[in-house]
Amino acid sequence: MHHYTVSTSENKLVSDYANMSIPETMNLNVIEFYELYRDAFLYNNMSSDEGNKRLEDAWILEQSKPDKSALKELKKEVINNGR
């Protein structure tokens, strides 16, 4: 463990993704910055199996409606297997 924190890590992520300097990222308005930050985060995660799994898990957690057909199938499976 270390005792230091990085105060420009979000800017570094945007900088690398958008091919901009860190000072240039600091001049973006908040909407532009966070749009690029979101895209950079997604792009970086999409480049690995682990990142894709993390994104899939996050998507599942964002869903607000249950998948009723999947729940019915699961219920049938549980009943048929005697669990």
Protein backbone atom coordinates (compact mmCIF):
# COMPACT_ATOMS: atom_id res chain seq x y z
CA MET A 1 0.00 0.00 0.00
CA HIS A 2 1.14 3.53 -0.67
CA HIS A 3 0.31 6.93 0.76
CA TYR A 4 -0.04 8.90 -2.46
CA THR A 5 -3.07 9.70 -4.59
CA VAL A 6 -3.27 10.61 -8.25
CA SER A 7 -5.34 13.73 -8.79
CA THR A 8 -5.38 13.64 -12.60
CA SER A 9 -6.18 9.98 -13.33
CA GLU A 10 -9.50 10.85 -14.99
CA ASN A 11 -7.72 13.42 -17.14
CA LYS A 12 -5.06 10.86 -18.07
CA LEU A 13 -7.73 8.40 -19.18
CA VAL A 14 -9.43 11.06 -21.35
CA SER A 15 -6.08 12.32 -22.60
CA ASP A 16 -5.00 8.88 -23.82
CA TYR A 17 -8.39 8.09 -25.35
CA ALA A 18 -8.89 11.42 -27.13
CA ASN A 19 -5.22 11.97 -28.03
CA MET A 20 -5.17 15.24 -26.09
CA SER A 21 -2.75 16.68 -23.57
CA ILE A 22 -3.80 16.71 -19.94
CA PRO A 23 -4.03 20.54 -19.94
CA GLU A 24 -6.31 20.32 -23.00
CA THR A 25 -8.63 17.95 -21.11
CA MET A 26 -8.85 20.50 -18.31
CA ASN A 27 -10.19 23.06 -20.79
CA LEU A 28 -13.12 20.88 -21.87
CA ASN A 29 -16.53 21.79 -20.52
CA VAL A 30 -17.94 19.31 -18.01
CA ILE A 31 -20.30 17.65 -20.52
CA GLU A 32 -17.57 17.12 -23.12
CA PHE A 33 -15.17 15.86 -20.48
CA TYR A 34 -17.51 13.31 -18.95
CA GLU A 35 -18.73 12.13 -22.34
CA LEU A 36 -15.12 11.38 -23.30
CA TYR A 37 -14.43 9.91 -19.85
CA ARG A 38 -17.38 7.53 -20.17
CA ASP A 39 -16.34 6.49 -23.68
CA ALA A 40 -12.73 5.99 -22.60
CA PHE A 41 -13.81 3.87 -19.64
CA LEU A 42 -16.05 1.70 -21.84
CA TYR A 43 -13.42 1.42 -24.59
CA ASN A 44 -10.74 0.32 -22.12
CA ASN A 45 -13.02 -2.28 -20.55
CA MET A 46 -14.15 -3.64 -23.92
CA SER A 47 -10.56 -4.56 -24.78
CA SER A 48 -10.37 -7.52 -22.37
CA ASP A 49 -12.49 -10.49 -21.36
CA GLU A 50 -12.38 -9.36 -17.73
CA GLY A 51 -13.49 -5.84 -18.71
CA ASN A 52 -16.32 -7.17 -20.85
CA LYS A 53 -17.49 -9.31 -17.93
CA ARG A 54 -17.40 -6.27 -15.65
CA LEU A 55 -19.47 -4.26 -18.15
CA GLU A 56 -21.96 -7.10 -18.55
CA ASP A 57 -22.33 -7.34 -14.76
CA ALA A 58 -22.85 -3.57 -14.53
CA TRP A 59 -25.49 -3.67 -17.27
CA ILE A 60 -27.35 -6.43 -15.45
CA LEU A 61 -27.34 -4.41 -12.23
CA GLU A 62 -28.79 -1.39 -14.06
CA GLN A 63 -31.86 -3.29 -15.25
CA SER A 64 -34.97 -2.32 -13.34
CA LYS A 65 -37.41 -4.83 -14.82
CA PRO A 66 -37.11 -8.55 -14.06
CA ASP A 67 -36.71 -11.02 -16.92
CA LYS A 68 -39.96 -12.85 -16.23
CA SER A 69 -39.45 -15.54 -18.85
CA ALA A 70 -36.01 -16.40 -17.42
CA LEU A 71 -37.48 -16.51 -13.91
CA LYS A 72 -40.23 -18.89 -15.07
CA GLU A 73 -37.65 -21.16 -16.69
CA LEU A 74 -35.54 -21.12 -13.54
CA LYS A 75 -38.59 -21.98 -11.44
CA LYS A 76 -39.40 -24.94 -13.75
CA GLU A 77 -35.80 -26.12 -13.58
CA VAL A 78 -35.76 -25.95 -9.78
CA ILE A 79 -39.08 -27.80 -9.50
CA ASN A 80 -38.02 -30.48 -11.98
CA ASN A 81 -34.67 -31.04 -10.27
CA GLY A 82 -36.26 -31.25 -6.82
CA ARG A 83 -34.18 -28.48 -5.28
